[in-house]
Amino acid sequence: MGDAVRPGNVHALRAYDAVQLSVALEVHSSHQADGFGPITLISTDRDLNTAATAEGLVAVDPNLHH
């Protein structure tokens, strides 16, 4: 859970958002290491999307694309 604490503190995220971001970062890193393309985080949470973008992920709010 230590990995979830860093993004949570850096980006002032709620606990569940910090965990979600940490998992997305881990999956992204694993996919990159295995030669796959980047992942996209899909979320309607503006703070989470901002933090994900700051961490180098692509973040999409599906509510903005209807």
Protein backbone atom coordinates (compact mmCIF):
# COMPACT_ATOMS: atom_id res chain seq x y z
CA MET A 1 0.00 0.00 0.00
CA GLY A 2 3.04 2.26 0.24
CA ASP A 3 2.84 2.94 -3.48
CA ALA A 4 -0.68 4.31 -3.07
CA VAL A 5 0.47 6.77 -0.44
CA ARG A 6 2.88 8.69 -2.69
CA PRO A 7 0.41 9.77 -5.40
CA GLY A 8 -2.22 10.37 -2.75
CA ASN A 9 0.05 12.76 -0.91
CA VAL A 10 1.59 14.39 -3.97
CA HIS A 11 -1.80 15.09 -5.56
CA ALA A 12 -3.95 15.40 -2.40
CA LEU A 13 -6.24 12.57 -3.52
CA ARG A 14 -8.84 10.73 -1.50
CA ALA A 15 -7.71 7.27 -0.40
CA TYR A 16 -9.67 5.28 -2.99
CA ASP A 17 -8.54 7.61 -5.78
CA ALA A 18 -4.93 7.21 -4.67
CA VAL A 19 -5.31 3.42 -4.80
CA GLN A 20 -6.95 3.59 -8.23
CA LEU A 21 -4.16 5.83 -9.54
CA SER A 22 -1.48 3.57 -8.08
CA VAL A 23 -2.99 0.51 -9.72
CA ALA A 24 -3.27 2.33 -13.05
CA LEU A 25 0.39 3.40 -12.80
CA GLU A 26 1.47 -0.15 -11.99
CA VAL A 27 -0.51 -1.64 -14.88
CA HIS A 28 0.84 1.06 -17.21
CA SER A 29 4.41 0.32 -16.13
CA SER A 30 3.90 -3.42 -16.51
CA HIS A 31 2.36 -3.04 -19.97
CA GLN A 32 5.20 -0.78 -21.10
CA ALA A 33 7.80 -3.26 -19.81
CA ASP A 34 6.08 -6.05 -21.73
CA GLY A 35 6.14 -4.03 -24.95
CA PHE A 36 2.50 -3.00 -25.01
CA GLY A 37 1.21 0.53 -25.53
CA PRO A 38 0.11 2.88 -22.80
CA ILE A 39 -3.13 2.43 -20.89
CA THR A 40 -5.90 4.99 -20.63
CA LEU A 41 -7.52 5.81 -17.31
CA ILE A 42 -11.25 6.40 -17.75
CA SER A 43 -12.78 8.37 -14.92
CA THR A 44 -15.29 11.13 -14.31
CA ASP A 45 -13.30 12.39 -11.32
CA ARG A 46 -11.55 15.62 -12.29
CA ASP A 47 -8.95 15.46 -9.49
CA LEU A 48 -8.07 11.86 -10.31
CA ASN A 49 -7.76 12.65 -14.02
CA THR A 50 -5.56 15.66 -13.30
CA ALA A 51 -3.30 13.56 -11.07
CA ALA A 52 -3.16 10.74 -13.64
CA THR A 53 -2.16 13.18 -16.37
CA ALA A 54 0.51 14.67 -14.11
CA GLU A 55 1.85 11.13 -13.58
CA GLY A 56 2.11 10.57 -17.34
CA LEU A 57 -1.09 8.63 -17.99
CA VAL A 58 -3.74 9.42 -20.55
CA ALA A 59 -6.97 10.20 -18.71
CA VAL A 60 -10.39 10.43 -20.36
CA ASP A 61 -13.63 11.65 -18.86
CA PRO A 62 -16.40 9.80 -20.73
CA ASN A 63 -18.89 12.53 -19.82
CA LEU A 64 -17.00 14.94 -22.05
CA HIS A 65 -17.42 12.69 -25.11
CA HIS A 66 -21.12 12.14 -25.62
